[in-house]
């Protein structure tokens, strides 16, 4: 679904007028961006609508190009024309947005016409909590808020575009395998998939009725979800169908992680730890002496496994989840999520702005003071340096050095 952001409005009276658009679109029904006689292209659709609104021929210049069927979320397009628009003393961005939407129909959504300035202010998000964050690379990211909206960025989080999801379902987690293909899960067995970078979503059948709390895809076809009443589901066809697998618990499972294609761990309420060595087909209970609520698990490929939870609990396993030892966290805050940027550098986030960092593969953890009191709920690394953490009251903090320093 294309979307347009008018980021600069021309000053009327100049000999040549200019307008800059940032264009996002689902390229499924387009033969690329560039105009081509006899086929439908993004540039052709834009030109027809703009010339109708402005009443004059326009020229389009695109920063980059896309091929047939390829999507885009942040493509810059320069529009230029000579003279004033017909019947107008100026270009009203609000009217321009409404006119383009009306003419281009359901394929066009205009997100903003004010340089995106309102997206840059954290205060805009002050009434929502962010519950999930995912960056498949250092520039393209998405987050979920407590109202059921998805927010997208194509510039490393400098600007965020909201994309409401049908009926505002209660979403608990989401994951993008690459820039285009992603999934979201939530209450009452909700599983959704996006094939266009999060611009639109469709429900997928899974047969689940319980809440789904966490989601992980190892490949574009092979993935897992975990949720209430000890449920684990797997898919081997990209999420089109999900199959429940047996576990040895009825406790809610909150997080799931895999060291490779065979060995994985899921953690949950009341000290629940489940482990698989069969690629998720069967799961067995792992006894631990701590009965806190586990909220996050991360298995470092070729390294240790780290589980976090209530009362500042951090557990470490050096044998891929068979045995566990408790580590000193120096905090009593509820710890929510754990991720690693590299094999040695990891970060834990939690309540009251808690950020902990490890540089030895999770064996020891140190507090990072980010001068923040809001709860942090989720964390993602786009590469070995760049990461984003999100939380209550619209909190977004970023790091460019694997968690050593953070900015809001």
Protein backbone atom coordinates (compact mmCIF):
# COMPACT_ATOMS: atom_id res chain seq x y z
CA UNK A 1 0.00 0.00 0.00
CA UNK A 2 1.71 3.23 -1.06
CA UNK A 3 1.98 6.08 1.38
CA UNK A 4 3.19 9.61 0.82
CA UNK A 5 4.77 12.14 3.09
CA UNK A 6 4.92 15.69 1.78
CA UNK A 7 7.99 17.09 3.49
CA UNK A 8 8.46 20.43 1.74
CA UNK A 9 5.81 22.75 0.32
CA UNK A 10 6.84 25.12 -2.53
CA UNK A 11 6.73 28.88 -2.21
CA UNK A 12 4.39 30.18 -4.91
CA UNK A 13 5.73 32.90 -7.12
CA UNK A 14 9.03 31.20 -7.92
CA UNK A 15 9.65 30.34 -11.52
CA UNK A 16 10.00 26.65 -10.73
CA UNK A 17 8.14 25.07 -7.83
CA UNK A 18 9.36 22.05 -5.88
CA UNK A 19 7.78 19.45 -3.61
CA UNK A 20 9.47 16.53 -1.92
CA UNK A 21 7.61 13.32 -1.14
CA UNK A 22 8.73 10.33 0.89
CA UNK A 23 6.95 7.35 -0.67
CA UNK A 24 6.21 3.95 0.80
CA UNK A 25 4.34 1.32 -1.18
CA UNK A 26 3.46 -2.31 -1.61
CA UNK A 27 4.95 -3.08 -5.01
CA UNK A 28 2.91 -6.22 -5.68
CA UNK A 29 0.70 -4.61 -8.33
CA UNK A 30 3.33 -2.25 -9.74
CA UNK A 31 5.98 -2.82 -12.43
CA UNK A 32 8.58 -0.99 -10.38
CA UNK A 33 8.84 2.73 -9.71
CA UNK A 34 10.05 4.22 -13.00
CA UNK A 35 7.47 5.07 -15.65
CA UNK A 36 7.17 2.57 -18.47
CA UNK A 37 4.68 2.73 -21.34
CA UNK A 38 1.93 0.15 -21.22
CA UNK A 39 2.45 -0.99 -17.61
CA UNK A 40 1.39 0.33 -14.22
CA UNK A 41 4.19 1.93 -12.21
CA UNK A 42 4.43 3.93 -8.98
CA UNK A 43 5.73 7.01 -10.80
CA UNK A 44 2.89 6.83 -13.30
CA UNK A 45 0.25 6.70 -10.57
CA UNK A 46 1.85 9.58 -8.67
CA UNK A 47 2.22 11.74 -11.75
CA UNK A 48 -1.39 11.32 -12.81
CA UNK A 49 -2.70 12.26 -9.36
CA UNK A 50 -0.33 15.20 -8.85
CA UNK A 51 -1.02 16.70 -12.28
CA UNK A 52 -4.73 16.48 -11.64
CA UNK A 53 -4.39 18.24 -8.27
CA UNK A 54 -1.90 20.90 -9.38
CA UNK A 55 -3.39 21.43 -12.83
CA UNK A 56 0.01 21.38 -14.53
CA UNK A 57 2.57 18.91 -15.91
CA UNK A 58 5.04 17.81 -13.25
CA UNK A 59 8.46 16.24 -13.32
CA UNK A 60 9.45 13.44 -10.95
CA UNK A 61 12.93 12.51 -9.78
CA UNK A 62 13.38 9.44 -7.62
CA UNK A 63 16.20 8.74 -5.17
CA UNK A 64 16.85 5.14 -6.13
CA UNK A 65 14.60 2.71 -7.97
CA UNK A 66 12.66 -0.49 -7.43
CA UNK A 67 11.87 -3.40 -9.73
CA UNK A 68 8.61 -5.19 -10.37
CA UNK A 69 6.94 -6.39 -7.16
CA UNK A 70 9.48 -4.73 -4.86
CA UNK A 71 8.23 -2.73 -1.86
CA UNK A 72 9.56 0.51 -0.37
CA UNK A 73 9.00 2.42 2.86
CA UNK A 74 11.15 5.52 2.59
CA UNK A 75 11.78 6.39 -1.06
CA UNK A 76 12.40 10.11 -1.69
CA UNK A 77 10.69 11.62 -4.75
CA UNK A 78 11.22 15.21 -5.92
CA UNK A 79 8.27 16.84 -7.71
CA UNK A 80 8.77 20.02 -9.76
CA UNK A 81 6.64 22.21 -12.01
CA UNK A 82 6.72 25.70 -13.52
CA UNK A 83 4.40 28.51 -12.42
CA UNK A 84 1.65 28.52 -9.82
CA UNK A 85 -0.83 25.69 -9.38
CA UNK A 86 -4.07 26.39 -11.21
CA UNK A 87 -6.59 28.33 -9.14
CA UNK A 88 -4.40 28.49 -6.04
CA UNK A 89 -2.25 31.05 -4.33
CA UNK A 90 -0.37 28.37 -2.41
CA UNK A 91 -0.19 24.63 -1.94
CA UNK A 92 -2.10 23.60 1.18
CA UNK A 93 -0.48 20.37 2.47
CA UNK A 94 -3.67 19.17 4.16
CA UNK A 95 -5.74 19.61 1.01
CA UNK A 96 -3.01 18.04 -1.08
CA UNK A 97 -2.99 15.00 1.17
CA UNK A 98 -6.77 14.63 1.05
CA UNK A 99 -6.85 15.03 -2.73
CA UNK A 100 -4.19 12.39 -3.31
CA UNK A 101 -5.88 9.91 -1.01
CA UNK A 102 -9.25 10.48 -2.68
CA UNK A 103 -7.84 10.03 -6.18
CA UNK A 104 -5.53 7.08 -5.56
CA UNK A 105 -8.03 5.19 -3.42
CA UNK A 106 -7.09 2.31 -1.14
CA UNK A 107 -3.59 1.98 -2.55
CA UNK A 108 -2.46 5.30 -1.06
CA UNK A 109 -2.22 6.38 2.58
CA UNK A 110 -0.82 9.83 3.36
CA UNK A 111 0.91 9.68 6.75
CA UNK A 112 2.20 13.19 7.26
CA UNK A 113 2.69 16.53 5.51
CA UNK A 114 4.82 18.37 8.06
CA UNK A 115 8.35 17.02 7.55
CA UNK A 116 7.52 14.28 10.03
CA UNK A 117 8.36 16.66 12.89
CA UNK A 118 5.56 15.30 15.04
CA UNK A 119 7.10 11.83 14.84
CA UNK A 120 10.43 13.01 16.21
CA UNK A 121 9.04 14.22 19.52
CA UNK A 122 8.85 11.57 22.22
CA UNK A 123 5.97 13.52 23.77
CA UNK A 124 3.77 12.36 20.90
CA UNK A 125 3.95 8.83 22.33
CA UNK A 126 3.37 9.77 25.96
CA UNK A 127 0.01 8.02 26.26
CA UNK A 128 1.07 4.62 24.95
CA UNK A 129 3.46 1.94 26.11
CA UNK A 130 5.75 0.26 23.62
CA UNK A 131 5.76 -3.50 24.19
CA UNK A 132 7.88 -4.93 21.37
CA UNK A 133 10.72 -3.71 19.13
CA UNK A 134 12.45 -5.35 16.16
CA UNK A 135 15.25 -4.18 13.88
CA UNK A 136 16.20 -6.70 11.16
CA UNK A 137 18.98 -4.27 10.18
CA UNK A 138 20.36 -0.92 11.29
CA UNK A 139 17.86 1.25 9.38
CA UNK A 140 14.55 -0.62 9.10
CA UNK A 141 12.64 -1.21 12.32
CA UNK A 142 9.20 -1.66 13.79
CA UNK A 143 7.63 -1.45 17.22
CA UNK A 144 4.27 -2.30 18.74
CA UNK A 145 2.34 -0.14 21.17
CA UNK A 146 -0.25 -1.00 23.79
CA UNK A 147 -3.14 0.12 21.56
CA UNK A 148 -2.38 -2.45 18.85
CA UNK A 149 -0.64 -0.10 16.40
CA UNK A 150 2.57 -0.87 14.55
CA UNK A 151 5.14 1.93 14.11
CA UNK A 152 7.63 1.73 11.24
CA UNK A 153 10.94 3.45 10.60
CA UNK A 154 13.23 3.38 7.56
CA UNK A 155 15.93 5.67 8.96
CA UNK A 156 17.16 4.03 12.13
CA UNK A 157 14.38 5.37 14.34
CA UNK A 158 14.67 9.09 13.53
CA UNK A 159 11.05 9.07 12.31
CA UNK A 160 8.24 6.63 13.01
CA UNK A 161 5.08 6.08 10.94
CA UNK A 162 1.99 4.55 12.64
CA UNK A 163 0.15 1.70 10.93
CA UNK A 164 -3.06 0.70 12.76
CA UNK A 165 -3.88 -3.02 12.79
CA UNK A 166 -7.43 -4.26 12.38
CA UNK A 167 -9.66 -3.91 15.45
CA UNK A 168 -6.68 -3.00 17.67
CA UNK A 169 -5.95 -6.58 18.80
CA UNK A 170 -3.84 -7.14 21.91
CA UNK A 171 -0.43 -7.87 20.42
CA UNK A 172 2.36 -9.14 22.64
CA UNK A 173 5.30 -9.68 20.30
CA UNK A 174 6.44 -9.43 16.70
CA UNK A 175 9.43 -10.43 14.62
CA UNK A 176 10.74 -9.59 11.14
CA UNK A 177 12.91 -12.17 9.45
CA UNK A 178 13.98 -9.57 6.87
CA UNK A 179 12.87 -6.12 5.73
CA UNK A 180 9.62 -7.36 4.22
CA UNK A 181 8.42 -10.53 5.97
CA UNK A 182 7.26 -10.34 9.57
CA UNK A 183 4.82 -11.85 12.05
CA UNK A 184 2.92 -10.64 15.12
CA UNK A 185 1.24 -12.64 17.89
CA UNK A 186 -1.10 -11.82 20.74
CA UNK A 187 -4.20 -12.58 22.75
CA UNK A 188 -6.63 -15.42 22.02
CA UNK A 189 -4.31 -17.21 19.61
CA UNK A 190 -3.68 -14.20 17.39
CA UNK A 191 -1.08 -14.78 14.67
CA UNK A 192 -0.63 -12.30 11.81
CA UNK A 193 1.81 -11.98 8.92
CA UNK A 194 3.05 -9.04 6.85
CA UNK A 195 4.73 -9.42 3.47
CA UNK A 196 5.30 -5.70 2.85
CA UNK A 197 7.43 -4.50 5.72
CA UNK A 198 4.53 -4.03 8.14
CA UNK A 199 2.36 -1.76 5.96
CA UNK A 200 -0.48 -4.29 6.09
CA UNK A 201 -1.19 -7.48 8.05
CA UNK A 202 -3.36 -10.56 7.61
CA UNK A 203 -4.42 -13.19 10.12
CA UNK A 204 -3.08 -16.71 9.78
CA UNK A 205 -4.67 -19.91 10.96
CA UNK A 206 -3.09 -21.62 13.90
CA UNK A 207 -5.85 -23.29 15.83
CA UNK A 208 -4.63 -21.71 19.06
CA UNK A 209 -7.10 -20.23 21.53
CA UNK A 210 -4.65 -19.34 24.29
CA UNK A 211 -2.68 -16.10 24.46
CA UNK A 212 0.54 -16.21 22.43
CA UNK A 213 3.35 -14.39 24.26
CA UNK A 214 6.51 -14.78 22.20
CA UNK A 215 7.56 -15.45 18.63
CA UNK A 216 10.76 -16.59 16.94
CA UNK A 217 11.59 -17.55 13.35
CA UNK A 218 14.81 -19.42 12.62
CA UNK A 219 14.27 -19.24 8.85
CA UNK A 220 11.58 -17.68 6.68
CA UNK A 221 9.61 -20.95 6.89
CA UNK A 222 10.52 -22.46 10.25
CA UNK A 223 9.32 -20.71 13.41
CA UNK A 224 7.97 -21.08 16.94
CA UNK A 225 5.58 -19.34 19.28
CA UNK A 226 5.01 -19.85 23.00
CA UNK A 227 2.17 -18.83 25.26
CA UNK A 228 -0.35 -19.53 27.97
CA UNK A 229 -0.86 -22.91 29.63
CA UNK A 230 2.53 -24.22 28.52
CA UNK A 231 1.64 -24.08 24.86
CA UNK A 232 4.32 -24.17 22.12
CA UNK A 233 3.43 -24.04 18.44
CA UNK A 234 5.68 -24.55 15.41
CA UNK A 235 5.33 -23.79 11.71
CA UNK A 236 7.32 -25.11 8.77
CA UNK A 237 5.54 -23.18 6.02
CA UNK A 238 6.20 -19.55 6.91
CA UNK A 239 3.41 -19.28 9.45
CA UNK A 240 0.51 -20.29 7.22
CA UNK A 241 -0.16 -23.26 9.49
CA UNK A 242 0.81 -23.78 13.13
CA UNK A 243 0.95 -27.05 15.04
CA UNK A 244 0.87 -27.47 18.80
CA UNK A 245 3.65 -29.61 20.24
CA UNK A 246 3.77 -31.36 23.59
CA UNK A 247 5.39 -29.83 26.67
CA UNK A 248 5.56 -30.92 30.29
CA UNK A 249 4.04 -27.85 31.89
CA UNK A 250 0.77 -25.94 32.24
CA UNK A 251 2.51 -22.75 33.34
CA UNK A 252 2.44 -19.77 30.98
CA UNK A 253 5.52 -19.56 28.75
CA UNK A 254 6.79 -16.03 28.14
CA UNK A 255 9.93 -16.31 26.00
CA UNK A 256 11.63 -18.74 23.64
CA UNK A 257 15.11 -18.90 22.09
CA UNK A 258 17.23 -21.32 20.08
CA UNK A 259 20.98 -21.88 20.03
CA UNK A 260 20.74 -23.58 16.63
CA UNK A 261 18.20 -25.56 14.64
CA UNK A 262 17.93 -28.30 17.26
CA UNK A 263 18.50 -26.95 20.79
CA UNK A 264 16.12 -24.40 22.29
CA UNK A 265 14.82 -23.18 25.64
CA UNK A 266 11.46 -21.68 26.66
CA UNK A 267 10.90 -20.00 30.03
CA UNK A 268 7.80 -18.94 31.92
CA UNK A 269 6.00 -18.40 35.20
CA UNK A 270 6.95 -19.88 38.58
CA UNK A 271 10.47 -20.92 37.58
CA UNK A 272 9.41 -22.82 34.47
CA UNK A 273 12.24 -23.83 32.11
CA UNK A 274 11.58 -26.10 29.13
CA UNK A 275 14.25 -27.47 26.78
CA UNK A 276 14.23 -29.16 23.37
CA UNK A 277 16.96 -31.05 21.54
CA UNK A 278 14.69 -32.12 18.67
CA UNK A 279 14.20 -28.85 16.86
CA UNK A 280 11.13 -27.99 18.93
CA UNK A 281 9.19 -31.19 18.27
CA UNK A 282 9.36 -32.31 21.92
CA UNK A 283 10.05 -30.35 25.11
CA UNK A 284 11.22 -31.52 28.53
CA UNK A 285 11.19 -29.73 31.90
CA UNK A 286 14.48 -28.56 33.37
CA UNK A 287 14.37 -28.34 37.18
CA UNK A 288 15.65 -25.09 38.69
CA UNK A 289 15.52 -23.97 42.31
CA UNK A 290 14.30 -20.43 41.62
CA UNK A 291 10.54 -19.87 41.36
CA UNK A 292 10.50 -16.32 40.00
CA UNK A 293 8.61 -15.39 36.83
CA UNK A 294 10.94 -15.69 33.85
CA UNK A 295 10.27 -13.03 31.21
CA UNK A 296 13.19 -13.34 28.78
CA UNK A 297 15.63 -15.91 27.41
CA UNK A 298 18.48 -15.56 24.90
CA UNK A 299 20.74 -18.35 23.69
CA UNK A 300 23.97 -16.94 22.27
CA UNK A 301 25.01 -19.02 19.23
CA UNK A 302 28.16 -20.85 20.28
CA UNK A 303 27.93 -19.32 23.75
CA UNK A 304 25.91 -19.26 26.97
CA UNK A 305 22.17 -18.99 27.58
CA UNK A 306 20.83 -16.14 29.73
CA UNK A 307 17.38 -16.07 31.37
CA UNK A 308 15.96 -13.03 33.20
CA UNK A 309 12.89 -12.39 35.31
CA UNK A 310 11.30 -10.93 38.40
CA UNK A 311 13.22 -9.58 41.43
CA UNK A 312 16.32 -8.88 39.33
CA UNK A 313 16.87 -12.57 38.58
CA UNK A 314 19.56 -13.50 36.05
CA UNK A 315 20.40 -17.14 35.32
CA UNK A 316 23.30 -18.36 33.20
CA UNK A 317 23.74 -21.72 31.50
CA UNK A 318 27.05 -22.72 29.94
CA UNK A 319 25.77 -26.10 28.69
CA UNK A 320 22.92 -24.91 26.45
CA UNK A 321 20.19 -25.00 29.06
CA UNK A 322 20.88 -28.22 30.97
CA UNK A 323 22.08 -26.63 34.21
CA UNK A 324 21.70 -23.07 35.48
CA UNK A 325 23.44 -20.79 37.97
CA UNK A 326 22.30 -17.48 39.46
CA UNK A 327 24.26 -14.32 38.71
CA UNK A 328 24.52 -11.06 40.63
CA UNK A 329 22.37 -8.36 39.01
CA UNK A 330 22.75 -5.65 41.70
CA UNK A 331 19.07 -4.77 41.22
CA UNK A 332 15.71 -5.87 42.51
CA UNK A 333 13.85 -4.53 39.47
CA UNK A 334 11.77 -6.77 37.26
CA UNK A 335 13.96 -7.65 34.27
CA UNK A 336 12.03 -7.87 31.00
CA UNK A 337 14.28 -8.67 28.04
CA UNK A 338 17.81 -9.76 27.13
CA UNK A 339 19.60 -9.57 23.77
CA UNK A 340 23.18 -9.88 22.53
CA UNK A 341 24.77 -7.64 19.91
CA UNK A 342 27.80 -9.92 19.59
CA UNK A 343 28.85 -13.20 21.16
CA UNK A 344 30.35 -11.31 24.11
CA UNK A 345 28.31 -8.09 24.34
CA UNK A 346 24.79 -8.35 25.77
CA UNK A 347 22.17 -6.05 27.31
CA UNK A 348 19.31 -6.61 29.76
CA UNK A 349 16.50 -4.07 30.22
CA UNK A 350 13.81 -3.85 32.90
CA UNK A 351 11.78 -1.83 35.34
CA UNK A 352 12.58 1.75 36.41
CA UNK A 353 14.94 2.32 33.51
CA UNK A 354 17.19 -0.60 34.39
CA UNK A 355 19.92 -1.37 31.85
CA UNK A 356 22.60 -4.01 32.51
CA UNK A 357 25.49 -4.81 30.18
CA UNK A 358 27.85 -7.74 29.79
CA UNK A 359 31.08 -7.84 27.80
CA UNK A 360 32.08 -11.40 28.68
CA UNK A 361 29.31 -13.43 27.08
CA UNK A 362 26.86 -13.06 29.95
CA UNK A 363 29.05 -14.30 32.79
CA UNK A 364 28.98 -10.94 34.61
CA UNK A 365 26.73 -7.89 34.34
CA UNK A 366 27.25 -4.19 35.15
CA UNK A 367 24.66 -1.43 35.58
CA UNK A 368 24.48 1.28 32.92
CA UNK A 369 22.98 4.53 34.24
CA UNK A 370 20.79 6.00 31.50
CA UNK A 371 19.07 8.51 33.84
CA UNK A 372 15.63 7.13 33.10
CA UNK A 373 12.85 6.00 35.47
CA UNK A 374 10.32 4.58 33.01
CA UNK A 375 9.99 0.82 32.69
CA UNK A 376 11.78 -0.72 29.68
CA UNK A 377 10.00 -3.71 28.15
CA UNK A 378 11.84 -4.77 24.98
CA UNK A 379 15.15 -4.55 23.20
CA UNK A 380 16.53 -5.19 19.69
CA UNK A 381 19.89 -4.89 17.94
CA UNK A 382 20.01 -3.99 14.25
CA UNK A 383 23.70 -4.84 13.99
CA UNK A 384 26.70 -5.37 16.24
CA UNK A 385 26.62 -1.75 17.48
CA UNK A 386 23.16 -0.23 16.97
CA UNK A 387 20.32 -1.11 19.36
CA UNK A 388 16.97 0.26 20.51
CA UNK A 389 15.08 -0.27 23.78
CA UNK A 390 11.44 0.76 24.30
CA UNK A 391 9.06 0.95 27.22
CA UNK A 392 6.38 2.77 29.18
CA UNK A 393 4.98 6.19 28.26
CA UNK A 394 6.46 6.17 24.78
CA UNK A 395 10.04 5.66 25.88
CA UNK A 396 12.58 5.04 23.13
CA UNK A 397 16.34 4.93 23.81
CA UNK A 398 19.11 4.04 21.36
CA UNK A 399 22.72 2.93 21.53
CA UNK A 400 25.46 3.01 18.91
CA UNK A 401 28.10 1.15 20.91
CA UNK A 402 26.42 -2.16 21.84
CA UNK A 403 24.83 -0.76 24.98
CA UNK A 404 27.68 1.13 26.65
CA UNK A 405 25.91 4.49 26.17
CA UNK A 406 22.28 5.39 25.48
CA UNK A 407 20.43 8.46 24.20
CA UNK A 408 16.75 9.32 24.27
